[in-house]
N, C-alpha and C. Protein backbone atom coordinates (compact mmCIF):
# COMPACT_ATOMS: atom_id res chain seq x y z
N MET A 1 9.32 14.29 2.01
CA MET A 1 8.06 14.05 1.31
C MET A 1 6.88 14.43 2.21
N THR A 2 5.88 15.00 1.57
CA THR A 2 4.65 15.35 2.32
C THR A 2 3.69 14.19 2.26
N VAL A 3 2.85 14.09 3.31
CA VAL A 3 1.90 12.95 3.43
C VAL A 3 0.55 13.49 3.82
N ASP A 4 -0.49 13.11 3.10
CA ASP A 4 -1.87 13.38 3.50
C ASP A 4 -2.53 12.09 3.94
N ILE A 5 -3.20 12.16 5.08
CA ILE A 5 -3.92 10.99 5.65
C ILE A 5 -5.40 11.35 5.71
N ALA A 6 -6.21 10.75 4.87
CA ALA A 6 -7.64 11.06 4.77
C ALA A 6 -8.44 9.99 5.55
N ILE A 7 -9.30 10.47 6.43
CA ILE A 7 -10.06 9.54 7.29
C ILE A 7 -11.54 9.80 7.16
N PRO A 8 -12.29 9.01 6.34
CA PRO A 8 -13.76 9.11 6.41
C PRO A 8 -14.25 8.55 7.75
N THR A 9 -15.17 9.20 8.36
CA THR A 9 -15.61 8.76 9.70
C THR A 9 -17.10 8.90 9.86
N TYR A 10 -17.68 7.90 10.55
CA TYR A 10 -19.14 7.87 10.79
C TYR A 10 -19.40 7.25 12.15
N CYS A 11 -19.97 8.03 13.04
CA CYS A 11 -20.46 7.52 14.35
C CYS A 11 -19.41 6.77 15.16
N ARG A 12 -18.16 7.22 15.09
CA ARG A 12 -17.09 6.55 15.82
C ARG A 12 -16.18 7.57 16.52
N PRO A 13 -16.73 8.42 17.35
CA PRO A 13 -15.88 9.45 17.97
C PRO A 13 -14.72 8.86 18.78
N GLN A 14 -14.98 7.76 19.52
CA GLN A 14 -13.93 7.20 20.37
C GLN A 14 -12.84 6.55 19.50
N LYS A 15 -13.26 5.75 18.54
CA LYS A 15 -12.27 5.11 17.67
C LYS A 15 -11.49 6.14 16.87
N LEU A 16 -12.18 7.17 16.40
CA LEU A 16 -11.51 8.24 15.67
C LEU A 16 -10.45 8.90 16.53
N SER A 17 -10.78 9.14 17.78
CA SER A 17 -9.82 9.76 18.68
C SER A 17 -8.60 8.86 18.93
N TRP A 18 -8.85 7.53 19.02
CA TRP A 18 -7.74 6.62 19.16
C TRP A 18 -6.82 6.67 17.94
N LEU A 19 -7.47 6.71 16.77
CA LEU A 19 -6.64 6.75 15.53
C LEU A 19 -5.81 8.04 15.46
N ILE A 20 -6.44 9.18 15.75
CA ILE A 20 -5.72 10.45 15.65
C ILE A 20 -4.56 10.46 16.64
N LYS A 21 -4.81 10.00 17.87
CA LYS A 21 -3.75 10.01 18.88
C LYS A 21 -2.61 9.09 18.43
N SER A 22 -2.93 7.97 17.77
CA SER A 22 -1.89 7.05 17.34
C SER A 22 -1.09 7.65 16.19
N ILE A 23 -1.71 8.49 15.39
CA ILE A 23 -1.01 9.16 14.29
C ILE A 23 -0.07 10.24 14.89
N LEU A 24 -0.57 10.97 15.88
CA LEU A 24 0.17 12.09 16.39
C LEU A 24 1.46 11.71 17.08
N VAL A 25 1.58 10.46 17.53
CA VAL A 25 2.85 10.03 18.17
C VAL A 25 3.92 9.71 17.10
N ASN A 26 3.52 9.70 15.86
CA ASN A 26 4.52 9.49 14.77
C ASN A 26 5.39 10.73 14.63
N ASP A 27 6.66 10.52 14.81
CA ASP A 27 7.60 11.66 14.80
C ASP A 27 8.06 11.95 13.41
N TYR A 28 7.11 12.49 12.60
CA TYR A 28 7.45 12.87 11.22
C TYR A 28 6.80 14.23 10.95
N PRO A 29 7.56 15.20 10.48
CA PRO A 29 7.05 16.59 10.42
C PRO A 29 6.15 16.90 9.24
N GLY A 30 6.13 16.09 8.21
CA GLY A 30 5.51 16.51 6.97
C GLY A 30 4.17 15.84 6.67
N TYR A 31 3.30 15.65 7.67
CA TYR A 31 2.02 15.01 7.38
C TYR A 31 0.86 15.90 7.75
N ARG A 32 -0.29 15.61 7.10
CA ARG A 32 -1.51 16.35 7.35
C ARG A 32 -2.64 15.35 7.55
N ILE A 33 -3.46 15.54 8.54
CA ILE A 33 -4.64 14.68 8.80
C ILE A 33 -5.87 15.39 8.23
N ILE A 34 -6.64 14.65 7.42
CA ILE A 34 -7.87 15.23 6.82
C ILE A 34 -9.04 14.39 7.29
N ILE A 35 -9.91 14.96 8.11
CA ILE A 35 -11.11 14.29 8.61
C ILE A 35 -12.25 14.54 7.64
N ILE A 36 -12.91 13.45 7.20
CA ILE A 36 -14.01 13.55 6.25
C ILE A 36 -15.28 13.02 6.88
N PRO A 37 -16.20 13.86 7.29
CA PRO A 37 -17.47 13.35 7.84
C PRO A 37 -18.26 12.58 6.78
N ASP A 38 -18.59 11.35 7.15
CA ASP A 38 -19.35 10.48 6.23
C ASP A 38 -20.78 10.41 6.78
N TYR A 39 -21.58 11.44 6.50
CA TYR A 39 -22.82 11.64 7.20
C TYR A 39 -23.82 10.48 7.00
N GLU A 40 -23.78 9.85 5.86
CA GLU A 40 -24.77 8.80 5.59
C GLU A 40 -24.18 7.41 5.40
N ARG A 41 -22.87 7.32 5.48
CA ARG A 41 -22.19 6.02 5.30
C ARG A 41 -22.67 5.33 4.02
N LYS A 42 -22.62 6.08 2.92
CA LYS A 42 -23.12 5.54 1.67
C LYS A 42 -22.04 5.21 0.67
N HIS A 43 -20.92 5.92 0.69
CA HIS A 43 -19.95 5.66 -0.37
C HIS A 43 -18.57 6.03 0.13
N VAL A 44 -17.94 5.12 0.89
CA VAL A 44 -16.64 5.39 1.49
C VAL A 44 -15.58 5.66 0.43
N PHE A 45 -15.54 4.82 -0.61
CA PHE A 45 -14.49 4.99 -1.63
C PHE A 45 -14.64 6.30 -2.40
N ARG A 46 -15.85 6.76 -2.58
CA ARG A 46 -16.02 8.04 -3.23
C ARG A 46 -15.40 9.16 -2.41
N LEU A 47 -15.57 9.12 -1.10
CA LEU A 47 -15.03 10.15 -0.23
C LEU A 47 -13.50 10.12 -0.31
N ILE A 48 -12.90 8.92 -0.28
CA ILE A 48 -11.45 8.84 -0.38
C ILE A 48 -10.96 9.31 -1.77
N ASN A 49 -11.68 8.92 -2.79
CA ASN A 49 -11.30 9.42 -4.13
C ASN A 49 -11.31 10.93 -4.21
N GLU A 50 -12.34 11.54 -3.64
CA GLU A 50 -12.42 13.02 -3.68
C GLU A 50 -11.28 13.63 -2.90
N ALA A 51 -10.88 13.03 -1.80
CA ALA A 51 -9.73 13.52 -1.04
C ALA A 51 -8.45 13.34 -1.82
N SER A 52 -8.31 12.19 -2.50
CA SER A 52 -7.14 11.95 -3.35
C SER A 52 -7.06 13.00 -4.48
N GLN A 53 -8.22 13.31 -5.06
CA GLN A 53 -8.26 14.29 -6.15
C GLN A 53 -7.74 15.64 -5.69
N LYS A 54 -8.06 16.04 -4.47
CA LYS A 54 -7.67 17.36 -3.96
C LYS A 54 -6.23 17.37 -3.41
N SER A 55 -5.70 16.20 -3.13
CA SER A 55 -4.38 16.14 -2.49
C SER A 55 -3.26 16.38 -3.49
N ASP A 56 -2.31 17.19 -3.05
CA ASP A 56 -1.11 17.42 -3.85
C ASP A 56 0.13 16.87 -3.11
N ALA A 57 -0.14 16.05 -2.07
CA ALA A 57 0.96 15.50 -1.28
C ALA A 57 1.75 14.48 -2.07
N ASP A 58 2.98 14.29 -1.70
CA ASP A 58 3.83 13.26 -2.34
C ASP A 58 3.27 11.87 -2.09
N ILE A 59 2.65 11.66 -0.90
CA ILE A 59 2.09 10.40 -0.52
C ILE A 59 0.70 10.61 0.03
N PHE A 60 -0.23 9.79 -0.36
CA PHE A 60 -1.62 9.88 0.10
C PHE A 60 -2.08 8.56 0.65
N LEU A 61 -2.79 8.64 1.81
CA LEU A 61 -3.34 7.43 2.41
C LEU A 61 -4.79 7.70 2.80
N GLY A 62 -5.71 6.83 2.32
CA GLY A 62 -7.08 6.84 2.83
C GLY A 62 -7.20 5.67 3.81
N ILE A 63 -7.70 5.95 4.98
CA ILE A 63 -7.69 4.94 6.06
C ILE A 63 -8.99 4.90 6.82
N SER A 64 -9.40 3.73 7.20
CA SER A 64 -10.65 3.53 7.98
C SER A 64 -10.49 4.15 9.37
N ASP A 65 -11.59 4.62 9.94
CA ASP A 65 -11.55 5.26 11.24
C ASP A 65 -11.51 4.26 12.40
N ASP A 66 -11.53 2.96 12.09
CA ASP A 66 -11.37 1.95 13.18
C ASP A 66 -9.99 1.29 13.10
N THR A 67 -8.99 2.13 12.93
CA THR A 67 -7.61 1.70 12.78
C THR A 67 -6.71 2.45 13.76
N GLU A 68 -5.61 1.86 14.12
CA GLU A 68 -4.59 2.55 14.93
C GLU A 68 -3.23 2.33 14.34
N PHE A 69 -2.43 3.39 14.29
CA PHE A 69 -1.07 3.32 13.82
C PHE A 69 -0.14 2.83 14.91
N GLU A 70 0.83 2.02 14.53
CA GLU A 70 1.98 1.79 15.39
C GLU A 70 2.95 2.97 15.20
N ARG A 71 3.85 3.10 16.16
CA ARG A 71 4.84 4.18 16.06
C ARG A 71 5.72 3.98 14.81
N ASP A 72 6.05 5.10 14.17
CA ASP A 72 6.95 5.13 13.02
C ASP A 72 6.35 4.61 11.72
N VAL A 73 5.01 4.45 11.68
CA VAL A 73 4.39 4.01 10.41
C VAL A 73 4.67 5.01 9.30
N ILE A 74 4.52 6.29 9.59
CA ILE A 74 4.64 7.26 8.52
C ILE A 74 6.11 7.34 8.02
N ILE A 75 7.04 7.45 8.92
CA ILE A 75 8.42 7.53 8.52
C ILE A 75 8.85 6.27 7.77
N SER A 76 8.31 5.11 8.17
CA SER A 76 8.65 3.86 7.48
C SER A 76 8.05 3.87 6.06
N ALA A 77 6.84 4.35 5.92
CA ALA A 77 6.21 4.43 4.58
C ALA A 77 6.98 5.40 3.67
N VAL A 78 7.39 6.54 4.24
CA VAL A 78 8.14 7.50 3.46
C VAL A 78 9.50 6.88 3.06
N SER A 79 10.18 6.26 3.97
CA SER A 79 11.48 5.64 3.68
C SER A 79 11.34 4.59 2.56
N SER A 80 10.27 3.78 2.66
CA SER A 80 10.04 2.75 1.64
C SER A 80 9.75 3.37 0.27
N MET A 81 8.95 4.45 0.29
CA MET A 81 8.67 5.12 -0.98
C MET A 81 9.96 5.66 -1.59
N LYS A 82 10.79 6.27 -0.79
CA LYS A 82 12.07 6.79 -1.30
C LYS A 82 12.96 5.69 -1.84
N GLU A 83 12.90 4.53 -1.19
CA GLU A 83 13.74 3.41 -1.59
C GLU A 83 13.25 2.76 -2.89
N HIS A 84 11.93 2.51 -2.97
CA HIS A 84 11.39 1.72 -4.08
C HIS A 84 10.88 2.59 -5.23
N PHE A 85 10.31 3.75 -4.87
CA PHE A 85 9.69 4.59 -5.91
C PHE A 85 10.05 6.06 -5.63
N PRO A 86 11.32 6.45 -5.81
CA PRO A 86 11.72 7.82 -5.49
C PRO A 86 10.98 8.87 -6.36
N ASP A 87 10.44 8.42 -7.50
CA ASP A 87 9.66 9.34 -8.34
C ASP A 87 8.18 9.36 -7.91
N THR A 88 7.84 8.65 -6.87
CA THR A 88 6.47 8.52 -6.28
C THR A 88 5.51 7.78 -7.20
N ASP A 89 6.01 7.00 -8.13
CA ASP A 89 5.12 6.23 -9.02
C ASP A 89 4.99 4.81 -8.50
N GLY A 90 4.29 4.70 -7.34
CA GLY A 90 4.10 3.38 -6.77
C GLY A 90 3.29 3.42 -5.52
N ILE A 91 3.10 2.24 -4.93
CA ILE A 91 2.32 2.07 -3.67
C ILE A 91 3.19 1.34 -2.66
N ILE A 92 3.11 1.81 -1.43
CA ILE A 92 3.68 1.10 -0.30
C ILE A 92 2.56 0.56 0.55
N TYR A 93 2.55 -0.74 0.81
CA TYR A 93 1.53 -1.28 1.71
C TYR A 93 2.22 -1.83 2.96
N MET A 94 1.46 -1.81 4.06
CA MET A 94 2.00 -2.13 5.37
C MET A 94 1.36 -3.38 5.98
N ASN A 95 1.89 -3.80 7.10
CA ASN A 95 1.29 -4.90 7.87
C ASN A 95 -0.02 -4.48 8.48
N TRP A 96 -1.06 -5.31 8.28
CA TRP A 96 -2.17 -5.29 9.29
C TRP A 96 -1.70 -6.27 10.37
N LEU A 97 -1.31 -5.75 11.49
CA LEU A 97 -0.61 -6.56 12.48
C LEU A 97 -1.49 -7.67 13.05
N ASN A 98 -2.83 -7.43 13.07
CA ASN A 98 -3.73 -8.44 13.61
C ASN A 98 -4.49 -9.18 12.51
N LEU A 99 -4.28 -8.84 11.26
CA LEU A 99 -4.99 -9.43 10.15
C LEU A 99 -4.01 -9.69 9.02
N PRO A 100 -3.16 -10.72 9.12
CA PRO A 100 -2.06 -10.89 8.17
C PRO A 100 -2.50 -11.19 6.75
N ASN A 101 -3.74 -11.62 6.55
CA ASN A 101 -4.17 -12.03 5.19
C ASN A 101 -5.00 -10.99 4.49
N VAL A 102 -5.04 -9.76 5.02
CA VAL A 102 -5.79 -8.71 4.38
C VAL A 102 -5.16 -8.33 3.06
N CYS A 103 -5.92 -7.86 2.09
CA CYS A 103 -5.44 -7.61 0.73
C CYS A 103 -4.32 -6.55 0.72
N LYS A 104 -3.52 -6.62 -0.32
CA LYS A 104 -2.34 -5.80 -0.43
C LYS A 104 -2.61 -4.32 -0.66
N GLY A 105 -3.84 -3.96 -1.03
CA GLY A 105 -4.14 -2.56 -1.23
C GLY A 105 -4.84 -1.93 -0.03
N ALA A 106 -4.96 -2.72 1.05
CA ALA A 106 -5.79 -2.23 2.18
C ALA A 106 -5.13 -1.09 2.92
N ILE A 107 -3.82 -1.02 3.01
CA ILE A 107 -3.15 0.17 3.59
C ILE A 107 -2.25 0.72 2.48
N ALA A 108 -2.86 1.51 1.63
CA ALA A 108 -2.14 1.91 0.39
C ALA A 108 -1.61 3.33 0.53
N PHE A 109 -0.32 3.45 0.85
CA PHE A 109 0.33 4.73 0.78
C PHE A 109 0.69 4.97 -0.70
N THR A 110 -0.11 5.77 -1.37
CA THR A 110 0.05 5.93 -2.81
C THR A 110 0.85 7.13 -3.17
N GLY A 111 1.81 6.98 -4.07
CA GLY A 111 2.64 8.06 -4.49
C GLY A 111 1.91 9.03 -5.42
N LYS A 112 2.38 10.24 -5.47
CA LYS A 112 1.71 11.31 -6.28
C LYS A 112 1.68 10.95 -7.74
N LYS A 113 2.82 10.49 -8.27
CA LYS A 113 2.88 10.17 -9.71
C LYS A 113 1.97 8.97 -10.00
N PHE A 114 1.94 8.01 -9.10
CA PHE A 114 1.05 6.85 -9.29
C PHE A 114 -0.39 7.26 -9.36
N ARG A 115 -0.82 8.20 -8.47
CA ARG A 115 -2.23 8.65 -8.47
C ARG A 115 -2.60 9.32 -9.77
N GLU A 116 -1.61 9.94 -10.41
CA GLU A 116 -1.90 10.67 -11.63
C GLU A 116 -2.19 9.73 -12.81
N ARG A 117 -2.00 8.43 -12.63
CA ARG A 117 -2.39 7.44 -13.63
C ARG A 117 -3.92 7.40 -13.82
N PHE A 118 -4.64 7.78 -12.78
CA PHE A 118 -6.07 7.55 -12.73
C PHE A 118 -6.86 8.83 -13.10
N PRO A 119 -8.01 8.70 -13.73
CA PRO A 119 -8.79 9.90 -14.07
C PRO A 119 -9.23 10.61 -12.79
N ASP A 120 -8.93 11.90 -12.76
CA ASP A 120 -9.24 12.74 -11.59
C ASP A 120 -8.52 12.25 -10.32
N LYS A 121 -7.48 11.40 -10.51
CA LYS A 121 -6.76 10.81 -9.37
C LYS A 121 -7.65 9.95 -8.50
N PHE A 122 -8.70 9.38 -9.10
CA PHE A 122 -9.59 8.46 -8.38
C PHE A 122 -8.91 7.10 -8.34
N ILE A 123 -8.25 6.83 -7.23
CA ILE A 123 -7.45 5.61 -7.11
C ILE A 123 -8.31 4.35 -6.93
N TYR A 124 -9.55 4.55 -6.41
CA TYR A 124 -10.43 3.42 -6.15
C TYR A 124 -11.52 3.40 -7.22
N CYS A 125 -11.81 2.21 -7.74
CA CYS A 125 -12.85 2.07 -8.76
C CYS A 125 -14.20 2.55 -8.21
N PRO A 126 -14.85 3.46 -8.90
CA PRO A 126 -16.12 4.03 -8.39
C PRO A 126 -17.29 3.03 -8.41
N ASP A 127 -17.09 1.85 -8.98
CA ASP A 127 -18.16 0.84 -8.93
C ASP A 127 -18.46 0.40 -7.50
N TYR A 128 -17.43 0.40 -6.65
CA TYR A 128 -17.57 -0.11 -5.27
C TYR A 128 -18.05 0.97 -4.32
N ILE A 129 -18.71 0.51 -3.27
CA ILE A 129 -19.17 1.44 -2.20
C ILE A 129 -18.22 1.44 -1.04
N SER A 130 -18.03 0.28 -0.39
CA SER A 130 -17.20 0.28 0.82
C SER A 130 -16.28 -0.94 0.94
N LEU A 131 -16.30 -1.83 -0.02
CA LEU A 131 -15.46 -3.05 0.04
C LEU A 131 -14.87 -3.38 -1.30
N TYR A 132 -13.68 -4.02 -1.26
CA TYR A 132 -13.03 -4.67 -2.40
C TYR A 132 -12.34 -3.75 -3.41
N ALA A 133 -12.60 -2.45 -3.41
CA ALA A 133 -11.86 -1.57 -4.32
C ALA A 133 -10.40 -1.54 -3.96
N ASP A 134 -10.06 -1.66 -2.68
CA ASP A 134 -8.67 -1.65 -2.28
C ASP A 134 -7.94 -2.88 -2.77
N ASP A 135 -8.63 -4.01 -2.83
CA ASP A 135 -8.02 -5.25 -3.39
C ASP A 135 -7.72 -5.04 -4.85
N GLU A 136 -8.60 -4.42 -5.60
CA GLU A 136 -8.38 -4.20 -7.03
C GLU A 136 -7.21 -3.25 -7.25
N LEU A 137 -7.10 -2.21 -6.39
CA LEU A 137 -5.98 -1.31 -6.51
C LEU A 137 -4.67 -2.06 -6.28
N GLY A 138 -4.62 -2.90 -5.27
CA GLY A 138 -3.42 -3.67 -5.00
C GLY A 138 -3.05 -4.60 -6.12
N ARG A 139 -4.04 -5.25 -6.71
CA ARG A 139 -3.81 -6.16 -7.81
C ARG A 139 -3.25 -5.47 -9.02
N TYR A 140 -3.79 -4.26 -9.30
CA TYR A 140 -3.29 -3.50 -10.44
C TYR A 140 -1.84 -3.09 -10.20
N ALA A 141 -1.56 -2.52 -9.02
CA ALA A 141 -0.21 -2.05 -8.72
C ALA A 141 0.80 -3.22 -8.84
N GLU A 142 0.40 -4.36 -8.32
CA GLU A 142 1.29 -5.54 -8.38
C GLU A 142 1.50 -5.97 -9.81
N SER A 143 0.48 -5.86 -10.65
CA SER A 143 0.59 -6.32 -12.05
C SER A 143 1.55 -5.50 -12.86
N ILE A 144 1.85 -4.28 -12.43
CA ILE A 144 2.77 -3.43 -13.18
C ILE A 144 4.06 -3.17 -12.36
N ASN A 145 4.25 -3.97 -11.30
CA ASN A 145 5.48 -3.91 -10.48
C ASN A 145 5.61 -2.53 -9.83
N LYS A 146 4.48 -2.03 -9.33
CA LYS A 146 4.50 -0.71 -8.62
C LYS A 146 4.00 -0.88 -7.20
N LEU A 147 4.21 -2.07 -6.63
CA LEU A 147 3.77 -2.34 -5.28
C LEU A 147 4.96 -2.84 -4.45
N ALA A 148 5.15 -2.23 -3.31
CA ALA A 148 6.23 -2.69 -2.40
C ALA A 148 5.68 -2.82 -0.98
N PHE A 149 6.21 -3.79 -0.26
CA PHE A 149 5.75 -4.09 1.07
C PHE A 149 6.74 -3.58 2.06
N CYS A 150 6.25 -2.86 3.10
CA CYS A 150 7.10 -2.37 4.18
C CYS A 150 6.74 -3.14 5.44
N SER A 151 7.63 -3.96 5.95
CA SER A 151 7.37 -4.83 7.08
C SER A 151 7.88 -4.23 8.40
N ASP A 152 8.45 -3.05 8.38
CA ASP A 152 9.07 -2.49 9.58
C ASP A 152 8.09 -2.26 10.71
N THR A 153 6.88 -1.87 10.38
CA THR A 153 5.88 -1.58 11.36
C THR A 153 4.50 -1.81 10.74
N GLY A 154 3.44 -1.38 11.38
CA GLY A 154 2.12 -1.65 10.81
C GLY A 154 0.99 -0.98 11.55
N LEU A 155 -0.21 -1.46 11.32
CA LEU A 155 -1.42 -0.89 11.87
C LEU A 155 -2.30 -1.99 12.44
N HIS A 156 -3.12 -1.60 13.39
CA HIS A 156 -4.17 -2.48 13.93
C HIS A 156 -5.48 -2.03 13.36
N HIS A 157 -6.34 -3.01 12.98
CA HIS A 157 -7.67 -2.70 12.49
C HIS A 157 -8.69 -3.39 13.36
N TYR A 158 -9.67 -2.66 13.86
CA TYR A 158 -10.70 -3.22 14.70
C TYR A 158 -11.76 -3.89 13.83
N HIS A 159 -11.32 -4.86 13.05
CA HIS A 159 -12.17 -5.60 12.14
C HIS A 159 -13.03 -6.58 12.92
N PRO A 160 -14.31 -6.79 12.55
CA PRO A 160 -15.16 -7.69 13.32
C PRO A 160 -14.61 -9.11 13.43
N SER A 161 -13.86 -9.55 12.43
CA SER A 161 -13.33 -10.94 12.51
C SER A 161 -12.28 -11.07 13.61
N ALA A 162 -11.60 -9.99 13.91
CA ALA A 162 -10.56 -10.01 14.96
C ALA A 162 -11.07 -9.50 16.30
N TYR A 163 -12.02 -8.58 16.23
CA TYR A 163 -12.52 -7.95 17.46
C TYR A 163 -14.05 -7.97 17.42
N PRO A 164 -14.67 -9.15 17.64
CA PRO A 164 -16.11 -9.22 17.59
C PRO A 164 -16.79 -8.32 18.64
N ASP A 165 -16.13 -8.02 19.73
CA ASP A 165 -16.69 -7.16 20.75
C ASP A 165 -16.71 -5.68 20.33
N GLN A 166 -16.02 -5.37 19.22
CA GLN A 166 -15.95 -3.96 18.75
C GLN A 166 -16.90 -3.68 17.58
N VAL A 167 -17.75 -4.62 17.25
CA VAL A 167 -18.73 -4.42 16.15
C VAL A 167 -19.66 -3.25 16.51
N ASP A 168 -19.78 -2.31 15.59
CA ASP A 168 -20.59 -1.10 15.87
C ASP A 168 -21.53 -0.85 14.70
N ILE A 169 -22.27 0.25 14.78
CA ILE A 169 -23.26 0.56 13.75
C ILE A 169 -22.61 0.76 12.41
N THR A 170 -21.40 1.30 12.38
CA THR A 170 -20.70 1.52 11.09
C THR A 170 -20.37 0.21 10.42
N HIS A 171 -19.88 -0.77 11.20
CA HIS A 171 -19.65 -2.10 10.64
C HIS A 171 -20.95 -2.68 10.07
N LYS A 172 -22.04 -2.54 10.81
CA LYS A 172 -23.32 -3.12 10.38
C LYS A 172 -23.80 -2.47 9.07
N LEU A 173 -23.64 -1.16 8.95
CA LEU A 173 -24.03 -0.48 7.77
C LEU A 173 -23.16 -0.88 6.56
N GLY A 174 -21.86 -1.13 6.86
CA GLY A 174 -20.97 -1.60 5.80
C GLY A 174 -21.40 -2.93 5.25
N ARG A 175 -21.95 -3.78 6.12
CA ARG A 175 -22.41 -5.10 5.66
C ARG A 175 -23.58 -4.97 4.72
N VAL A 176 -24.38 -3.94 4.88
CA VAL A 176 -25.51 -3.68 3.96
C VAL A 176 -24.99 -3.54 2.55
N ASN A 177 -23.82 -2.93 2.38
CA ASN A 177 -23.26 -2.71 1.07
C ASN A 177 -22.56 -3.93 0.50
N GLN A 178 -22.31 -4.94 1.34
CA GLN A 178 -21.51 -6.09 0.87
C GLN A 178 -22.11 -6.83 -0.29
N PRO A 179 -23.42 -7.11 -0.33
CA PRO A 179 -23.96 -7.85 -1.52
C PRO A 179 -23.71 -7.07 -2.82
N HIS A 180 -23.91 -5.77 -2.78
CA HIS A 180 -23.64 -4.95 -3.99
C HIS A 180 -22.19 -5.05 -4.41
N ASP A 181 -21.28 -4.88 -3.44
CA ASP A 181 -19.85 -4.89 -3.78
C ASP A 181 -19.39 -6.27 -4.19
N LEU A 182 -19.97 -7.33 -3.64
CA LEU A 182 -19.63 -8.67 -4.09
C LEU A 182 -20.04 -8.89 -5.55
N ASP A 183 -21.25 -8.42 -5.89
CA ASP A 183 -21.72 -8.52 -7.27
C ASP A 183 -20.84 -7.73 -8.20
N VAL A 184 -20.43 -6.52 -7.77
CA VAL A 184 -19.54 -5.71 -8.59
C VAL A 184 -18.24 -6.46 -8.83
N ARG A 185 -17.65 -7.02 -7.78
CA ARG A 185 -16.36 -7.69 -7.92
C ARG A 185 -16.51 -8.88 -8.88
N SER A 186 -17.56 -9.67 -8.75
CA SER A 186 -17.76 -10.82 -9.61
C SER A 186 -17.94 -10.41 -11.06
N LEU A 187 -18.71 -9.37 -11.31
CA LEU A 187 -18.96 -8.93 -12.65
C LEU A 187 -17.70 -8.33 -13.30
N ARG A 188 -16.97 -7.55 -12.49
CA ARG A 188 -15.72 -6.94 -13.03
C ARG A 188 -14.72 -8.03 -13.40
N LYS A 189 -14.57 -9.04 -12.53
CA LYS A 189 -13.65 -10.12 -12.83
C LYS A 189 -14.10 -10.89 -14.04
N ALA A 190 -15.41 -11.15 -14.20
CA ALA A 190 -15.91 -11.87 -15.36
C ALA A 190 -15.64 -11.11 -16.65
N LYS A 191 -15.69 -9.81 -16.58
CA LYS A 191 -15.43 -9.00 -17.78
C LYS A 191 -13.93 -8.73 -18.00
N GLY A 192 -13.12 -9.16 -17.02
CA GLY A 192 -11.67 -8.94 -17.17
C GLY A 192 -11.22 -7.51 -16.89
N TYR A 193 -12.04 -6.73 -16.17
CA TYR A 193 -11.72 -5.36 -15.84
C TYR A 193 -10.75 -5.26 -14.67
N LEU A 194 -9.84 -4.33 -14.72
CA LEU A 194 -8.95 -4.06 -13.60
C LEU A 194 -8.68 -2.54 -13.58
N TRP A 195 -9.21 -1.92 -12.56
CA TRP A 195 -9.12 -0.42 -12.45
C TRP A 195 -7.65 -0.01 -12.43
N GLY A 196 -7.29 0.79 -13.43
CA GLY A 196 -5.90 1.19 -13.62
C GLY A 196 -5.43 0.70 -14.97
N LYS A 197 -5.59 -0.60 -15.21
CA LYS A 197 -5.31 -1.15 -16.52
C LYS A 197 -6.32 -0.62 -17.53
N ASP A 198 -7.58 -0.52 -17.08
CA ASP A 198 -8.63 0.13 -17.86
C ASP A 198 -9.51 0.91 -16.87
N PHE A 199 -10.42 1.65 -17.37
CA PHE A 199 -11.29 2.45 -16.54
C PHE A 199 -12.76 2.19 -16.87
N ASN A 200 -13.03 0.95 -17.12
CA ASN A 200 -14.43 0.53 -17.43
C ASN A 200 -15.20 0.34 -16.11
N LEU A 201 -16.49 0.67 -16.18
CA LEU A 201 -17.36 0.49 -15.02
C LEU A 201 -18.49 -0.47 -15.36
N VAL A 202 -18.98 -1.18 -14.35
CA VAL A 202 -20.04 -2.16 -14.56
C VAL A 202 -21.31 -1.80 -13.84
N THR A 203 -21.36 -0.68 -13.13
CA THR A 203 -22.49 -0.37 -12.29
C THR A 203 -23.79 -0.36 -13.07
N THR A 204 -23.80 0.20 -14.27
CA THR A 204 -25.01 0.26 -15.09
C THR A 204 -25.44 -1.16 -15.45
N ASP A 205 -24.48 -2.00 -15.87
CA ASP A 205 -24.82 -3.40 -16.20
C ASP A 205 -25.35 -4.15 -15.00
N LEU A 206 -24.74 -3.88 -13.86
CA LEU A 206 -25.16 -4.55 -12.63
C LEU A 206 -26.59 -4.19 -12.25
N GLU A 207 -26.91 -2.90 -12.33
CA GLU A 207 -28.26 -2.46 -11.99
C GLU A 207 -29.27 -3.03 -12.96
N ARG A 208 -28.87 -3.29 -14.20
CA ARG A 208 -29.80 -3.84 -15.17
C ARG A 208 -30.11 -5.29 -14.92
N ILE A 209 -29.12 -6.04 -14.44
CA ILE A 209 -29.34 -7.50 -14.29
C ILE A 209 -29.87 -7.87 -12.92
N LEU A 210 -29.77 -6.97 -11.93
CA LEU A 210 -30.24 -7.32 -10.56
C LEU A 210 -31.76 -7.16 -10.45
């Protein structure tokens, strides 16, 4: 199986280099790394959606640039996909080794057939900017029994809650988007929307009431 790993990145050359080095030690021949410059840090999920749209790989992963892979993450994800969803119609999620309670869609190795469920293969709801769309993706996949957990290995995330000394400008800019994304999540839940089950958007409604 082929694997595309898309990495939006903003002002993190050192962390990006750590991530790339950690991917390169994975002994799996069929993967491609796609670096996506996020020049204004305005819409992370849009960048990942656009990469998903262009990807024809059997498995696609959009990942934050403040992450590091453990060894054998890729081969474990591929093995799990072959075991649980050999037709690629599903999601494999992995351990956040330092953040055990992170949402199930946060490390979403998405199969090709599963991505084709979504318009333009936009796996993340476009209502969101940089938070919570991964949670909605995971909830949808779980609701249709297309979510499997691979516990063999995992990833480290330099999240502020676990690494307060690693807070950087990108984290701070992400927090600027948090009120918007929280309002989106609340409004979508109130309306009973779930990206994948339906493709309704609330951004226009949200802008009208704020």
